Amino acid sequence: MTVVSNSSPLIALHHLQQLDLCAALFGTVLIPPAISHETFQTRQRPSWIEERSLAQPLSALVLRDRLGTGEREALALAVELNTDLILLDDAAARRTAISLGLRVVGTYGILLRVKEQQLLPAVRPLIDQLLVFGFHADEELVSVVLQIAGESTV
């Protein structure tokens, strides 16, 4: 499975001290140089995260939206490699990825996959920690994720 990531899921999982969950789910994760710079400028990049430069300049398809440099590079790399999955949280970047025919999973989707594979017993404590860290999430999304995880109190 070929997986490209933007910085947000990697940073969120790092804050949770659960970054290695990506390795357990996906094996190798590819990131473009801008994501490497954003995410691993002040800390060691795990060996299972590989920096991969773009072979082609950024496509006009990716440049048309108002996205950050890292998001644009991650999308361009995912398109260039015909990736199986791209890890993104930003709504505009997700819309662009979907319009480009990419399969998208965000931080909460990663947590759900981790629970499905019984690598963690619950996602609620991690979601609560993310919200304390200032991770932006719609209340409805949190509710849906907790329902899917079987951890809803309603």
N, C-alpha and C. Protein backbone atom coordinates (compact mmCIF):
# COMPACT_ATOMS: atom_id res chain seq x y z
N MET A 1 0.85 -1.18 0.00
CA MET A 1 0.00 0.00 0.00
C MET A 1 0.89 1.24 0.00
N THR A 2 0.61 2.16 -0.91
CA THR A 2 1.35 3.42 -0.98
C THR A 2 0.54 4.50 -0.28
N VAL A 3 1.14 5.13 0.73
CA VAL A 3 0.46 6.14 1.53
C VAL A 3 1.32 7.40 1.56
N VAL A 4 0.69 8.54 1.27
CA VAL A 4 1.34 9.85 1.37
C VAL A 4 0.64 10.60 2.49
N SER A 5 1.40 11.37 3.26
CA SER A 5 0.79 12.12 4.37
C SER A 5 1.10 13.59 4.31
N ASN A 6 0.14 14.37 4.75
CA ASN A 6 0.31 15.77 5.06
C ASN A 6 0.81 15.85 6.51
N SER A 7 1.15 17.02 6.96
CA SER A 7 1.74 17.15 8.30
C SER A 7 0.74 16.97 9.44
N SER A 8 -0.50 17.41 9.27
CA SER A 8 -1.46 17.42 10.38
C SER A 8 -1.66 16.06 11.06
N PRO A 9 -1.92 14.98 10.32
CA PRO A 9 -2.08 13.69 11.01
C PRO A 9 -0.81 13.25 11.73
N LEU A 10 0.34 13.52 11.14
CA LEU A 10 1.60 13.13 11.78
C LEU A 10 1.84 13.93 13.06
N ILE A 11 1.56 15.22 13.01
CA ILE A 11 1.74 16.07 14.19
C ILE A 11 0.75 15.68 15.28
N ALA A 12 -0.50 15.45 14.90
CA ALA A 12 -1.52 15.06 15.88
C ALA A 12 -1.14 13.76 16.58
N LEU A 13 -0.75 12.76 15.81
CA LEU A 13 -0.37 11.48 16.40
C LEU A 13 0.91 11.59 17.23
N HIS A 14 1.81 12.46 16.81
CA HIS A 14 3.02 12.70 17.62
C HIS A 14 2.64 13.28 18.98
N HIS A 15 1.72 14.26 18.99
CA HIS A 15 1.27 14.85 20.26
C HIS A 15 0.64 13.80 21.18
N LEU A 16 0.00 12.83 20.57
CA LEU A 16 -0.63 11.75 21.35
C LEU A 16 0.37 10.67 21.75
N GLN A 17 1.61 10.82 21.29
CA GLN A 17 2.65 9.80 21.48
C GLN A 17 2.21 8.47 20.86
N GLN A 18 1.53 8.56 19.70
CA GLN A 18 1.01 7.40 19.00
C GLN A 18 1.42 7.40 17.53
N LEU A 19 2.48 8.10 17.18
CA LEU A 19 2.88 8.21 15.78
C LEU A 19 3.15 6.84 15.16
N ASP A 20 3.67 5.92 15.93
CA ASP A 20 3.98 4.59 15.40
C ASP A 20 2.74 3.81 14.96
N LEU A 21 1.56 4.29 15.32
CA LEU A 21 0.34 3.63 14.84
C LEU A 21 0.26 3.67 13.32
N CYS A 22 0.79 4.73 12.72
CA CYS A 22 0.81 4.81 11.25
C CYS A 22 1.67 3.70 10.67
N ALA A 23 2.79 3.43 11.30
CA ALA A 23 3.66 2.35 10.83
C ALA A 23 2.93 1.01 10.95
N ALA A 24 2.21 0.83 12.05
CA ALA A 24 1.47 -0.43 12.24
C ALA A 24 0.37 -0.60 11.20
N LEU A 25 -0.27 0.51 10.82
CA LEU A 25 -1.36 0.43 9.84
C LEU A 25 -0.88 0.37 8.40
N PHE A 26 0.13 1.20 8.08
CA PHE A 26 0.47 1.43 6.68
C PHE A 26 1.87 0.98 6.29
N GLY A 27 2.71 0.63 7.24
CA GLY A 27 4.10 0.34 6.90
C GLY A 27 4.82 1.65 6.61
N THR A 28 5.30 1.81 5.41
CA THR A 28 6.00 3.03 5.02
C THR A 28 5.01 4.13 4.68
N VAL A 29 5.31 5.35 5.12
CA VAL A 29 4.52 6.53 4.78
C VAL A 29 5.46 7.49 4.06
N LEU A 30 5.02 7.99 2.92
CA LEU A 30 5.82 8.91 2.12
C LEU A 30 5.39 10.34 2.37
N ILE A 31 6.37 11.25 2.43
CA ILE A 31 6.08 12.66 2.59
C ILE A 31 6.96 13.46 1.64
N PRO A 32 6.44 14.58 1.11
CA PRO A 32 7.26 15.45 0.27
C PRO A 32 8.16 16.32 1.15
N PRO A 33 9.14 16.99 0.56
CA PRO A 33 10.08 17.82 1.34
C PRO A 33 9.40 18.87 2.22
N ALA A 34 8.36 19.53 1.75
CA ALA A 34 7.71 20.56 2.56
C ALA A 34 7.13 19.97 3.85
N ILE A 35 6.59 18.78 3.78
CA ILE A 35 6.03 18.12 4.97
C ILE A 35 7.16 17.70 5.90
N SER A 36 8.25 17.23 5.34
CA SER A 36 9.41 16.87 6.16
C SER A 36 9.88 18.09 6.94
N HIS A 37 9.95 19.24 6.26
CA HIS A 37 10.40 20.47 6.89
C HIS A 37 9.40 20.92 7.97
N GLU A 38 8.10 20.88 7.66
CA GLU A 38 7.07 21.32 8.62
C GLU A 38 7.02 20.43 9.85
N THR A 39 7.20 19.15 9.65
CA THR A 39 6.93 18.17 10.70
C THR A 39 8.17 17.72 11.46
N PHE A 40 9.29 17.63 10.77
CA PHE A 40 10.47 17.04 11.41
C PHE A 40 11.67 17.97 11.46
N GLN A 41 11.42 19.26 11.44
CA GLN A 41 12.50 20.23 11.50
C GLN A 41 13.22 20.16 12.84
N THR A 42 12.48 19.92 13.92
CA THR A 42 13.08 19.94 15.26
C THR A 42 13.11 18.57 15.93
N ARG A 43 12.71 17.53 15.24
CA ARG A 43 12.75 16.18 15.82
C ARG A 43 13.10 15.17 14.74
N GLN A 44 13.55 14.04 15.18
CA GLN A 44 13.98 12.95 14.29
C GLN A 44 12.80 12.36 13.54
N ARG A 45 12.96 12.17 12.25
CA ARG A 45 11.95 11.51 11.43
C ARG A 45 12.11 10.01 11.58
N PRO A 46 11.04 9.29 11.93
CA PRO A 46 11.14 7.83 12.03
C PRO A 46 11.57 7.22 10.70
N SER A 47 12.23 6.09 10.77
CA SER A 47 12.76 5.45 9.56
C SER A 47 11.65 4.99 8.61
N TRP A 48 10.46 4.74 9.12
CA TRP A 48 9.36 4.27 8.28
C TRP A 48 8.66 5.41 7.54
N ILE A 49 9.04 6.65 7.84
CA ILE A 49 8.55 7.80 7.09
C ILE A 49 9.65 8.22 6.13
N GLU A 50 9.37 8.13 4.84
CA GLU A 50 10.38 8.43 3.82
C GLU A 50 10.05 9.72 3.10
N GLU A 51 11.05 10.59 3.00
CA GLU A 51 10.88 11.81 2.21
C GLU A 51 11.05 11.46 0.75
N ARG A 52 10.12 11.95 -0.08
CA ARG A 52 10.16 11.67 -1.51
C ARG A 52 9.95 12.99 -2.24
N SER A 53 10.91 13.35 -3.08
CA SER A 53 10.78 14.58 -3.87
C SER A 53 9.85 14.35 -5.05
N LEU A 54 9.24 15.43 -5.50
CA LEU A 54 8.37 15.37 -6.67
C LEU A 54 9.23 15.24 -7.92
N ALA A 55 8.82 14.37 -8.82
CA ALA A 55 9.53 14.22 -10.09
C ALA A 55 9.09 15.29 -11.07
N GLN A 56 7.85 15.78 -10.91
CA GLN A 56 7.27 16.79 -11.81
C GLN A 56 6.96 18.04 -10.99
N PRO A 57 6.91 19.20 -11.66
CA PRO A 57 6.48 20.41 -10.96
C PRO A 57 5.02 20.26 -10.51
N LEU A 58 4.62 21.09 -9.57
CA LEU A 58 3.25 21.04 -9.09
C LEU A 58 2.26 21.24 -10.23
N SER A 59 1.27 20.42 -10.27
CA SER A 59 0.24 20.46 -11.31
C SER A 59 -0.69 21.66 -11.10
N ALA A 60 -1.20 22.16 -12.19
CA ALA A 60 -2.17 23.25 -12.13
C ALA A 60 -3.41 22.82 -11.35
N LEU A 61 -3.74 21.53 -11.37
CA LEU A 61 -4.88 21.03 -10.62
C LEU A 61 -4.70 21.25 -9.12
N VAL A 62 -3.48 21.10 -8.66
CA VAL A 62 -3.19 21.25 -7.24
C VAL A 62 -3.00 22.73 -6.89
N LEU A 63 -2.47 23.50 -7.80
CA LEU A 63 -2.20 24.91 -7.53
C LEU A 63 -3.45 25.78 -7.53
N ARG A 64 -4.54 25.29 -8.11
CA ARG A 64 -5.73 26.13 -8.26
C ARG A 64 -6.38 26.49 -6.93
N ASP A 65 -6.25 25.66 -5.94
CA ASP A 65 -6.88 25.91 -4.64
C ASP A 65 -5.92 26.64 -3.71
N ARG A 66 -6.48 27.32 -2.76
CA ARG A 66 -5.68 28.07 -1.80
C ARG A 66 -5.27 27.13 -0.66
N LEU A 67 -4.23 26.39 -0.91
CA LEU A 67 -3.72 25.44 0.06
C LEU A 67 -2.30 25.83 0.45
N GLY A 68 -1.85 25.31 1.59
CA GLY A 68 -0.48 25.55 2.00
C GLY A 68 0.50 24.77 1.14
N THR A 69 1.75 25.15 1.21
CA THR A 69 2.79 24.49 0.42
C THR A 69 2.84 23.00 0.70
N GLY A 70 2.77 22.62 1.96
CA GLY A 70 2.83 21.21 2.31
C GLY A 70 1.66 20.43 1.75
N GLU A 71 0.48 21.00 1.87
CA GLU A 71 -0.71 20.33 1.33
C GLU A 71 -0.61 20.17 -0.18
N ARG A 72 -0.17 21.23 -0.85
CA ARG A 72 -0.03 21.15 -2.32
C ARG A 72 0.99 20.08 -2.71
N GLU A 73 2.13 20.04 -2.01
CA GLU A 73 3.15 19.03 -2.33
C GLU A 73 2.65 17.62 -2.02
N ALA A 74 1.96 17.45 -0.90
CA ALA A 74 1.45 16.12 -0.55
C ALA A 74 0.44 15.65 -1.60
N LEU A 75 -0.45 16.54 -2.01
CA LEU A 75 -1.42 16.18 -3.05
C LEU A 75 -0.72 15.85 -4.36
N ALA A 76 0.25 16.67 -4.74
CA ALA A 76 0.96 16.43 -6.00
C ALA A 76 1.71 15.11 -5.96
N LEU A 77 2.33 14.78 -4.82
CA LEU A 77 3.06 13.52 -4.69
C LEU A 77 2.08 12.34 -4.76
N ALA A 78 0.94 12.48 -4.11
CA ALA A 78 -0.06 11.41 -4.13
C ALA A 78 -0.56 11.16 -5.55
N VAL A 79 -0.79 12.23 -6.31
CA VAL A 79 -1.23 12.08 -7.70
C VAL A 79 -0.12 11.47 -8.53
N GLU A 80 1.10 11.98 -8.36
CA GLU A 80 2.24 11.50 -9.14
C GLU A 80 2.48 10.01 -8.92
N LEU A 81 2.34 9.54 -7.68
CA LEU A 81 2.60 8.14 -7.36
C LEU A 81 1.36 7.26 -7.50
N ASN A 82 0.23 7.88 -7.84
CA ASN A 82 -1.03 7.14 -7.89
C ASN A 82 -1.22 6.36 -6.59
N THR A 83 -1.11 7.09 -5.51
CA THR A 83 -1.12 6.51 -4.17
C THR A 83 -2.44 5.82 -3.84
N ASP A 84 -2.38 4.87 -2.94
CA ASP A 84 -3.58 4.19 -2.48
C ASP A 84 -4.37 5.06 -1.51
N LEU A 85 -3.66 5.94 -0.78
CA LEU A 85 -4.28 6.71 0.29
C LEU A 85 -3.47 7.96 0.57
N ILE A 86 -4.16 9.05 0.90
CA ILE A 86 -3.48 10.25 1.37
C ILE A 86 -4.06 10.62 2.73
N LEU A 87 -3.18 10.96 3.66
CA LEU A 87 -3.59 11.33 5.01
C LEU A 87 -3.68 12.85 5.09
N LEU A 88 -4.90 13.36 5.27
CA LEU A 88 -5.18 14.81 5.28
C LEU A 88 -6.28 15.12 6.27
N ASP A 89 -6.18 16.26 6.93
CA ASP A 89 -7.25 16.72 7.81
C ASP A 89 -7.96 17.96 7.28
N ASP A 90 -7.24 18.87 6.67
CA ASP A 90 -7.79 20.15 6.22
C ASP A 90 -8.92 19.92 5.22
N ALA A 91 -10.06 20.58 5.47
CA ALA A 91 -11.25 20.38 4.63
C ALA A 91 -11.01 20.74 3.16
N ALA A 92 -10.36 21.87 2.91
CA ALA A 92 -10.12 22.28 1.51
C ALA A 92 -9.18 21.30 0.82
N ALA A 93 -8.17 20.84 1.53
CA ALA A 93 -7.23 19.87 0.95
C ALA A 93 -7.94 18.54 0.68
N ARG A 94 -8.84 18.15 1.59
CA ARG A 94 -9.60 16.91 1.39
C ARG A 94 -10.49 17.01 0.16
N ARG A 95 -11.16 18.17 0.00
CA ARG A 95 -12.02 18.36 -1.19
C ARG A 95 -11.18 18.27 -2.46
N THR A 96 -10.01 18.89 -2.45
CA THR A 96 -9.14 18.83 -3.63
C THR A 96 -8.71 17.40 -3.89
N ALA A 97 -8.32 16.68 -2.85
CA ALA A 97 -7.89 15.29 -3.00
C ALA A 97 -8.99 14.44 -3.61
N ILE A 98 -10.20 14.60 -3.11
CA ILE A 98 -11.33 13.83 -3.63
C ILE A 98 -11.59 14.18 -5.08
N SER A 99 -11.48 15.47 -5.41
CA SER A 99 -11.71 15.88 -6.80
C SER A 99 -10.64 15.32 -7.73
N LEU A 100 -9.48 15.00 -7.17
CA LEU A 100 -8.40 14.40 -7.96
C LEU A 100 -8.48 12.88 -7.98
N GLY A 101 -9.51 12.33 -7.35
CA GLY A 101 -9.71 10.88 -7.35
C GLY A 101 -8.89 10.14 -6.30
N LEU A 102 -8.42 10.86 -5.28
CA LEU A 102 -7.62 10.23 -4.24
C LEU A 102 -8.50 9.75 -3.08
N ARG A 103 -8.10 8.66 -2.46
CA ARG A 103 -8.76 8.18 -1.24
C ARG A 103 -8.12 8.91 -0.07
N VAL A 104 -8.95 9.46 0.81
CA VAL A 104 -8.50 10.31 1.90
C VAL A 104 -8.88 9.71 3.25
N VAL A 105 -7.94 9.78 4.19
CA VAL A 105 -8.21 9.43 5.58
C VAL A 105 -7.56 10.51 6.43
N GLY A 106 -8.29 10.97 7.44
CA GLY A 106 -7.76 11.96 8.37
C GLY A 106 -7.33 11.33 9.68
N THR A 107 -6.96 12.16 10.61
CA THR A 107 -6.50 11.68 11.92
C THR A 107 -7.55 10.82 12.59
N TYR A 108 -8.81 11.26 12.58
CA TYR A 108 -9.86 10.46 13.21
C TYR A 108 -10.07 9.14 12.49
N GLY A 109 -9.95 9.14 11.19
CA GLY A 109 -10.05 7.90 10.43
C GLY A 109 -8.93 6.93 10.77
N ILE A 110 -7.74 7.48 11.00
CA ILE A 110 -6.61 6.63 11.43
C ILE A 110 -6.94 6.00 12.78
N LEU A 111 -7.46 6.82 13.70
CA LEU A 111 -7.80 6.29 15.03
C LEU A 111 -8.87 5.20 14.93
N LEU A 112 -9.85 5.39 14.05
CA LEU A 112 -10.87 4.34 13.88
C LEU A 112 -10.25 3.05 13.34
N ARG A 113 -9.37 3.18 12.38
CA ARG A 113 -8.70 1.99 11.83
C ARG A 113 -7.88 1.28 12.90
N VAL A 114 -7.24 2.04 13.75
CA VAL A 114 -6.43 1.48 14.83
C VAL A 114 -7.31 0.68 15.78
N LYS A 115 -8.47 1.25 16.11
CA LYS A 115 -9.38 0.53 17.01
C LYS A 115 -9.92 -0.72 16.33
N GLU A 116 -10.29 -0.61 15.05
CA GLU A 116 -10.79 -1.77 14.31
C GLU A 116 -9.78 -2.91 14.33
N GLN A 117 -8.51 -2.57 14.23
CA GLN A 117 -7.47 -3.60 14.23
C GLN A 117 -7.02 -3.96 15.64
N GLN A 118 -7.73 -3.46 16.63
CA GLN A 118 -7.49 -3.75 18.04
C GLN A 118 -6.08 -3.40 18.49
N LEU A 119 -5.54 -2.31 17.93
CA LEU A 119 -4.23 -1.83 18.35
C LEU A 119 -4.36 -0.88 19.55
N LEU A 120 -5.57 -0.37 19.76
CA LEU A 120 -5.91 0.45 20.93
C LEU A 120 -7.31 0.07 21.37
N PRO A 121 -7.57 0.11 22.68
CA PRO A 121 -8.90 -0.28 23.15
C PRO A 121 -9.98 0.78 22.94
N ALA A 122 -9.59 2.06 22.86
CA ALA A 122 -10.57 3.13 22.76
C ALA A 122 -9.97 4.34 22.05
N VAL A 123 -10.83 5.09 21.35
CA VAL A 123 -10.38 6.31 20.69
C VAL A 123 -10.79 7.56 21.46
N ARG A 124 -11.81 7.47 22.29
CA ARG A 124 -12.29 8.65 23.02
C ARG A 124 -11.19 9.36 23.80
N PRO A 125 -10.36 8.67 24.57
CA PRO A 125 -9.32 9.40 25.30
C PRO A 125 -8.35 10.15 24.38
N LEU A 126 -8.07 9.58 23.22
CA LEU A 126 -7.17 10.24 22.27
C LEU A 126 -7.85 11.44 21.63
N ILE A 127 -9.12 11.31 21.30
CA ILE A 127 -9.86 12.44 20.74
C ILE A 127 -9.94 13.57 21.77
N ASP A 128 -10.21 13.22 23.02
CA ASP A 128 -10.24 14.24 24.08
C ASP A 128 -8.91 14.96 24.19
N GLN A 129 -7.80 14.21 24.11
CA GLN A 129 -6.47 14.83 24.17
C GLN A 129 -6.25 15.75 22.98
N LEU A 130 -6.65 15.32 21.79
CA LEU A 130 -6.49 16.16 20.60
C LEU A 130 -7.25 17.47 20.75
N LEU A 131 -8.46 17.41 21.27
CA LEU A 131 -9.25 18.62 21.46
C LEU A 131 -8.59 19.56 22.46
N VAL A 132 -7.98 19.00 23.50
CA VAL A 132 -7.24 19.81 24.47
C VAL A 132 -6.03 20.47 23.81
N PHE A 133 -5.37 19.75 22.90
CA PHE A 133 -4.22 20.30 22.17
C PHE A 133 -4.62 21.40 21.21
N GLY A 134 -5.92 21.54 20.93
CA GLY A 134 -6.38 22.56 20.00
C GLY A 134 -6.62 22.04 18.60
N PHE A 135 -6.69 20.72 18.45
CA PHE A 135 -7.01 20.11 17.17
C PHE A 135 -8.44 20.51 16.81
N HIS A 136 -8.62 21.12 15.66
CA HIS A 136 -9.93 21.62 15.27
C HIS A 136 -10.78 20.49 14.72
N ALA A 137 -11.95 20.34 15.31
CA ALA A 137 -12.87 19.30 14.83
C ALA A 137 -14.30 19.74 15.11
N ASP A 138 -15.13 19.55 14.15
CA ASP A 138 -16.55 19.82 14.24
C ASP A 138 -17.16 18.86 15.28
N GLU A 139 -18.05 19.38 16.14
CA GLU A 139 -18.69 18.54 17.15
C GLU A 139 -19.43 17.36 16.54
N GLU A 140 -20.06 17.60 15.41
CA GLU A 140 -20.80 16.54 14.73
C GLU A 140 -19.85 15.43 14.27
N LEU A 141 -18.68 15.81 13.76
CA LEU A 141 -17.69 14.83 13.33
C LEU A 141 -17.23 13.99 14.51
N VAL A 142 -16.94 14.64 15.62
CA VAL A 142 -16.51 13.91 16.82
C VAL A 142 -17.59 12.92 17.24
N SER A 143 -18.84 13.37 17.23
CA SER A 143 -19.95 12.51 17.60
C SER A 143 -20.05 11.30 16.68
N VAL A 144 -19.93 11.52 15.37
CA VAL A 144 -20.01 10.42 14.40
C VAL A 144 -18.86 9.44 14.61
N VAL A 145 -17.66 9.96 14.81
CA VAL A 145 -16.49 9.10 15.02
C VAL A 145 -16.68 8.24 16.27
N LEU A 146 -17.17 8.85 17.34
CA LEU A 146 -17.39 8.09 18.57
C LEU A 146 -18.50 7.05 18.40
N GLN A 147 -19.51 7.38 17.61
CA GLN A 147 -20.57 6.39 17.32
C GLN A 147 -20.00 5.20 16.55
N ILE A 148 -19.22 5.49 15.52
CA ILE A 148 -18.61 4.42 14.71
C ILE A 148 -17.71 3.55 15.59
N ALA A 149 -17.00 4.20 16.51
CA ALA A 149 -16.09 3.48 17.40
C ALA A 149 -16.83 2.71 18.50
N GLY A 150 -18.15 2.94 18.59
CA GLY A 150 -18.92 2.27 19.64
C GLY A 150 -18.66 2.88 21.00
N GLU A 151 -18.30 4.16 21.03
CA GLU A 151 -17.97 4.83 22.27
C GLU A 151 -18.86 6.04 22.54
N SER A 152 -19.97 6.11 21.85
CA SER A 152 -20.89 7.23 22.03
C SER A 152 -21.63 7.06 23.34
N THR A 153 -21.84 8.17 24.05
CA THR A 153 -22.58 8.12 25.30
C THR A 153 -24.07 8.39 25.08
N VAL A 154 -24.42 8.73 23.85
CA VAL A 154 -25.82 9.03 23.53
C VAL A 154 -26.53 7.79 23.04
